[in-house]
């Protein structure tokens, strides 16, 4: 029968021990494994016990790695599992680590989802759809996600959407309402919001009123007039009209503007 002939404290870590069996080094274990198995000098060990020690030690290493990873910030279960996989831990060690983390409340996807959602709402202008997508990427289930998003009330969404659209509108200069609306609609989708007609109309009127659109039409007309100055008559007019329509100005408004210019 094999026996433990020596147990010594590791030089670089007083919480870990080297185990010698029949005078030969067998494995290293931490103090938790040493205590759990009651390892002492002179203790008889079987191959089965040695295998258990090795497995248990691997599990403890996986747990310790997970705790270090969680020390930086709160993580979802999927994030922890993916980190352990990158460190090439076997499935049984990962399972043991996750069981330990769950039992001791080191991981909790429901709490994580709520914290993540609150952080995003309070520090960014990301929309609910974007937050939902990011939670899904972190492995959060549908129920936990929906519960977390309850914090992002309709009132908060409207407030954030107005800020998002206002910021987007400020980047547009001398454009038609049509062009601005296209920009805002794209922003709604890319930022992960649901369309809100009232807020959309409010921002449109704030940044491109009827009077401002008329000024924008005049400015764009002057640009196209210079651009197509080498053309004459109908061809020139046709190119100007086409250019203004591509800018989002209504055909009727263009014709009225051109008629006024001719009268002048």
Protein backbone atom coordinates (compact mmCIF):
# COMPACT_ATOMS: atom_id res chain seq x y z
CA UNK A 1 0.00 0.00 0.00
CA UNK A 2 1.29 3.42 -0.90
CA UNK A 3 1.88 5.91 1.90
CA UNK A 4 2.32 9.64 2.26
CA UNK A 5 5.91 9.98 3.32
CA UNK A 6 6.20 13.76 3.36
CA UNK A 7 4.04 16.91 3.37
CA UNK A 8 5.82 20.21 2.98
CA UNK A 9 4.72 23.83 2.65
CA UNK A 10 5.49 25.32 -0.74
CA UNK A 11 8.12 28.05 -0.62
CA UNK A 12 6.19 30.61 -2.66
CA UNK A 13 2.74 29.98 -1.14
CA UNK A 14 2.17 29.00 2.46
CA UNK A 15 -1.42 28.01 1.59
CA UNK A 16 -0.21 25.20 -0.68
CA UNK A 17 1.51 21.92 0.11
CA UNK A 18 3.59 19.34 -1.75
CA UNK A 19 2.54 15.75 -1.19
CA UNK A 20 5.14 12.96 -1.44
CA UNK A 21 4.12 9.31 -1.74
CA UNK A 22 6.77 6.68 -1.13
CA UNK A 23 9.39 9.45 -1.13
CA UNK A 24 8.40 10.68 -4.62
CA UNK A 25 6.53 13.90 -5.35
CA UNK A 26 2.90 13.07 -6.14
CA UNK A 27 1.02 16.35 -6.37
CA UNK A 28 0.50 19.80 -4.96
CA UNK A 29 -2.67 20.72 -3.06
CA UNK A 30 -4.01 23.81 -1.35
CA UNK A 31 -4.92 23.93 2.31
CA UNK A 32 -8.61 23.34 1.61
CA UNK A 33 -7.87 20.01 -0.10
CA UNK A 34 -5.38 19.04 2.60
CA UNK A 35 -8.01 19.66 5.28
CA UNK A 36 -10.94 18.12 3.42
CA UNK A 37 -9.14 14.81 2.83
CA UNK A 38 -7.39 14.84 6.19
CA UNK A 39 -4.02 14.21 4.60
CA UNK A 40 -1.23 13.37 7.08
CA UNK A 41 2.23 11.87 6.97
CA UNK A 42 2.06 8.09 7.10
CA UNK A 43 -1.49 7.97 5.69
CA UNK A 44 -2.11 5.10 3.29
CA UNK A 45 -3.41 6.11 -0.12
CA UNK A 46 -4.98 4.17 -2.97
CA UNK A 47 -4.81 4.97 -6.67
CA UNK A 48 -8.46 5.98 -6.43
CA UNK A 49 -7.72 8.46 -3.64
CA UNK A 50 -4.78 9.86 -5.56
CA UNK A 51 -7.01 10.38 -8.58
CA UNK A 52 -9.57 12.12 -6.37
CA UNK A 53 -6.86 14.39 -5.00
CA UNK A 54 -5.70 15.30 -8.49
CA UNK A 55 -9.24 16.00 -9.69
CA UNK A 56 -10.09 17.96 -6.58
CA UNK A 57 -6.94 20.03 -6.92
CA UNK A 58 -7.79 20.81 -10.55
CA UNK A 59 -11.28 21.84 -9.46
CA UNK A 60 -9.85 24.11 -6.78
CA UNK A 61 -7.58 25.74 -9.35
CA UNK A 62 -10.57 26.34 -11.61
CA UNK A 63 -12.47 27.87 -8.69
CA UNK A 64 -9.55 30.11 -7.79
CA UNK A 65 -9.17 31.23 -11.40
CA UNK A 66 -12.88 32.06 -11.55
CA UNK A 67 -12.65 34.06 -8.31
CA UNK A 68 -9.71 36.05 -9.67
CA UNK A 69 -11.66 36.72 -12.87
CA UNK A 70 -14.67 37.86 -10.86
CA UNK A 71 -12.45 40.08 -8.74
CA UNK A 72 -12.19 42.64 -11.52
CA UNK A 73 -15.95 43.12 -11.89
CA UNK A 74 -19.24 41.26 -11.76
CA UNK A 75 -19.63 38.75 -14.61
CA UNK A 76 -22.34 36.59 -16.09
CA UNK A 77 -22.10 32.81 -15.91
CA UNK A 78 -21.33 32.62 -19.61
CA UNK A 79 -18.43 35.04 -19.26
CA UNK A 80 -16.90 32.99 -16.44
CA UNK A 81 -17.33 29.72 -18.34
CA UNK A 82 -15.75 31.19 -21.47
CA UNK A 83 -12.78 32.44 -19.45
CA UNK A 84 -12.23 29.00 -17.92
CA UNK A 85 -12.48 27.41 -21.35
CA UNK A 86 -9.82 29.80 -22.64
CA UNK A 87 -7.60 28.65 -19.76
CA UNK A 88 -8.20 25.09 -21.03
CA UNK A 89 -9.90 23.68 -17.96
CA UNK A 90 -11.77 20.42 -18.56
CA UNK A 91 -15.56 20.34 -18.46
CA UNK A 92 -15.75 18.59 -15.07
CA UNK A 93 -13.51 21.27 -13.50
CA UNK A 94 -15.64 24.04 -15.01
CA UNK A 95 -18.81 22.36 -13.74
CA UNK A 96 -17.32 22.11 -10.26
CA UNK A 97 -16.25 25.75 -10.33
CA UNK A 98 -19.65 26.97 -11.49
CA UNK A 99 -21.41 24.89 -8.81
CA UNK A 100 -19.22 26.47 -6.15
CA UNK A 101 -19.80 29.97 -7.51
CA UNK A 102 -23.57 29.53 -7.63
CA UNK A 103 -23.82 28.03 -4.16
CA UNK A 104 -21.80 30.89 -2.70
CA UNK A 105 -23.61 33.61 -4.73
CA UNK A 106 -20.51 34.68 -6.61
CA UNK A 107 -22.50 34.46 -9.84
CA UNK A 108 -26.16 35.37 -10.26
CA UNK A 109 -27.37 36.13 -13.76
CA UNK A 110 -30.56 37.79 -12.54
CA UNK A 111 -28.65 40.22 -10.31
CA UNK A 112 -26.02 40.70 -13.01
CA UNK A 113 -28.67 41.60 -15.62
CA UNK A 114 -30.27 44.18 -13.32
CA UNK A 115 -26.93 45.77 -12.47
CA UNK A 116 -25.84 45.80 -16.12
CA UNK A 117 -29.09 47.41 -17.25
CA UNK A 118 -28.96 50.10 -14.57
CA UNK A 119 -25.36 50.90 -15.46
CA UNK A 120 -26.16 51.20 -19.17
CA UNK A 121 -29.21 53.38 -18.53
CA UNK A 122 -27.40 55.66 -16.09
CA UNK A 123 -24.13 56.04 -17.99
CA UNK A 124 -24.96 55.66 -21.69
CA UNK A 125 -27.67 56.50 -24.22
CA UNK A 126 -28.00 52.93 -25.50
CA UNK A 127 -31.57 51.93 -26.31
CA UNK A 128 -33.46 48.98 -24.81
CA UNK A 129 -32.94 46.81 -27.88
CA UNK A 130 -29.19 47.34 -27.74
CA UNK A 131 -29.07 46.54 -24.02
CA UNK A 132 -31.19 43.45 -24.63
CA UNK A 133 -28.85 42.28 -27.39
CA UNK A 134 -25.77 42.80 -25.20
CA UNK A 135 -27.36 40.85 -22.34
CA UNK A 136 -28.16 38.02 -24.75
CA UNK A 137 -24.51 37.99 -25.86
CA UNK A 138 -23.52 37.60 -22.22
CA UNK A 139 -25.74 34.54 -21.94
CA UNK A 140 -28.58 36.12 -19.96
CA UNK A 141 -31.94 34.38 -20.39
CA UNK A 142 -35.11 36.02 -21.68
CA UNK A 143 -36.87 36.20 -18.29
CA UNK A 144 -33.89 37.76 -16.51
CA UNK A 145 -33.44 40.22 -19.37
CA UNK A 146 -37.06 41.34 -19.37
CA UNK A 147 -37.03 41.72 -15.58
CA UNK A 148 -33.87 43.84 -15.76
CA UNK A 149 -35.31 46.07 -18.50
CA UNK A 150 -38.22 47.03 -16.25
CA UNK A 151 -35.83 49.65 -14.85
CA UNK A 152 -35.73 51.29 -18.28
CA UNK A 153 -39.20 52.79 -18.05
CA UNK A 154 -41.07 54.36 -20.96
CA UNK A 155 -40.42 57.79 -19.48
CA UNK A 156 -36.67 57.16 -19.33
CA UNK A 157 -36.68 55.77 -22.86
CA UNK A 158 -38.44 58.88 -24.18
CA UNK A 159 -35.99 61.13 -22.34
CA UNK A 160 -32.98 59.26 -23.71
CA UNK A 161 -34.41 59.04 -27.22
CA UNK A 162 -34.90 62.80 -27.32
CA UNK A 163 -31.25 63.29 -26.32
CA UNK A 164 -30.08 60.79 -28.92
CA UNK A 165 -32.09 62.36 -31.74
CA UNK A 166 -31.13 65.89 -30.73
CA UNK A 167 -27.46 64.92 -30.81
CA UNK A 168 -27.88 63.34 -34.25
CA UNK A 169 -29.80 66.34 -35.58
CA UNK A 170 -27.02 68.72 -34.57
CA UNK A 171 -24.69 66.98 -37.01
CA UNK A 172 -26.99 67.82 -39.94
CA UNK A 173 -26.69 71.25 -41.54
CA UNK A 174 -28.78 72.84 -44.27
CA UNK A 175 -30.79 69.71 -44.97
CA UNK A 176 -34.44 69.10 -45.77
CA UNK A 177 -36.91 67.68 -43.29
CA UNK A 178 -36.97 64.50 -45.37
CA UNK A 179 -33.20 64.05 -45.11
CA UNK A 180 -33.17 64.85 -41.43
CA UNK A 181 -36.01 62.42 -40.81
CA UNK A 182 -34.11 59.68 -42.64
CA UNK A 183 -31.08 60.37 -40.47
CA UNK A 184 -33.17 60.27 -37.29
CA UNK A 185 -34.93 57.05 -38.30
CA UNK A 186 -31.57 55.41 -38.92
CA UNK A 187 -30.38 56.65 -35.53
CA UNK A 188 -33.44 55.16 -33.81
CA UNK A 189 -32.61 51.73 -35.23
CA UNK A 190 -28.83 51.79 -34.76
CA UNK A 191 -29.13 52.98 -31.15
CA UNK A 192 -31.67 50.29 -30.32
CA UNK A 193 -34.80 52.34 -29.65
CA UNK A 194 -38.41 51.98 -30.68
CA UNK A 195 -39.75 54.70 -32.96
CA UNK A 196 -41.70 57.46 -31.24
CA UNK A 197 -43.53 59.73 -33.68
CA UNK A 198 -44.15 62.53 -31.18
CA UNK A 199 -40.46 62.81 -30.26
CA UNK A 200 -39.43 62.48 -33.91
CA UNK A 201 -41.75 65.31 -34.97
CA UNK A 202 -40.62 67.50 -32.09
CA UNK A 203 -36.96 67.17 -33.06
CA UNK A 204 -37.75 67.74 -36.73
CA UNK A 205 -39.55 70.96 -35.97
CA UNK A 206 -36.85 72.06 -33.57
CA UNK A 207 -34.05 71.68 -36.09
CA UNK A 208 -35.72 72.12 -39.48
CA UNK A 209 -38.79 74.33 -39.33
CA UNK A 210 -40.59 75.28 -42.54
CA UNK A 211 -38.68 78.56 -42.62
CA UNK A 212 -35.34 76.84 -42.04
CA UNK A 213 -36.10 74.31 -44.77
CA UNK A 214 -36.76 77.17 -47.18
CA UNK A 215 -33.38 78.68 -46.27
CA UNK A 216 -31.74 75.27 -46.75
CA UNK A 217 -33.40 74.90 -50.14
CA UNK A 218 -32.08 78.28 -51.19
CA UNK A 219 -28.55 77.43 -50.03
CA UNK A 220 -28.52 74.06 -51.80
CA UNK A 221 -29.96 75.66 -54.94
CA UNK A 222 -27.09 78.14 -55.02
CA UNK A 223 -24.58 75.31 -54.66
CA UNK A 224 -26.12 73.34 -57.52
CA UNK A 225 -26.37 76.46 -59.64
CA UNK A 226 -22.62 76.91 -59.34
CA UNK A 227 -21.95 73.21 -59.82
CA UNK A 228 -23.95 73.03 -63.06
CA UNK A 229 -23.02 76.47 -64.37
CA UNK A 230 -21.53 74.98 -67.55
CA UNK A 231 -24.96 73.68 -68.56
CA UNK A 232 -27.65 75.87 -70.10
CA UNK A 233 -31.41 76.09 -70.21
CA UNK A 234 -33.52 72.99 -69.58
CA UNK A 235 -30.53 70.67 -69.00
CA UNK A 236 -29.19 72.90 -66.26
CA UNK A 237 -32.59 73.25 -64.61
CA UNK A 238 -33.16 69.49 -64.83
CA UNK A 239 -29.86 68.73 -63.10
CA UNK A 240 -30.56 71.27 -60.36
CA UNK A 241 -34.03 69.82 -59.73
CA UNK A 242 -32.65 66.29 -59.61
CA UNK A 243 -29.90 67.34 -57.20
CA UNK A 244 -32.37 69.10 -54.89
CA UNK A 245 -34.71 66.10 -54.87
CA UNK A 246 -31.80 63.84 -53.93
CA UNK A 247 -31.26 66.16 -50.99
CA UNK A 248 -34.79 65.35 -49.88
CA UNK A 249 -36.61 68.52 -50.93
CA UNK A 250 -40.16 68.08 -52.22
CA UNK A 251 -40.70 68.49 -55.95
CA UNK A 252 -43.55 70.95 -55.41
CA UNK A 253 -41.41 73.14 -53.13
CA UNK A 254 -38.58 73.07 -55.66
CA UNK A 255 -40.87 74.15 -58.49
CA UNK A 256 -42.35 76.96 -56.40
CA UNK A 257 -38.89 78.12 -55.45
CA UNK A 258 -37.68 78.07 -59.07
CA UNK A 259 -40.78 79.94 -60.22
CA UNK A 260 -40.11 82.61 -57.60
CA UNK A 261 -36.53 82.86 -58.76
CA UNK A 262 -37.63 83.35 -62.37
CA UNK A 263 -40.10 86.04 -61.35
CA UNK A 264 -37.40 87.79 -59.43
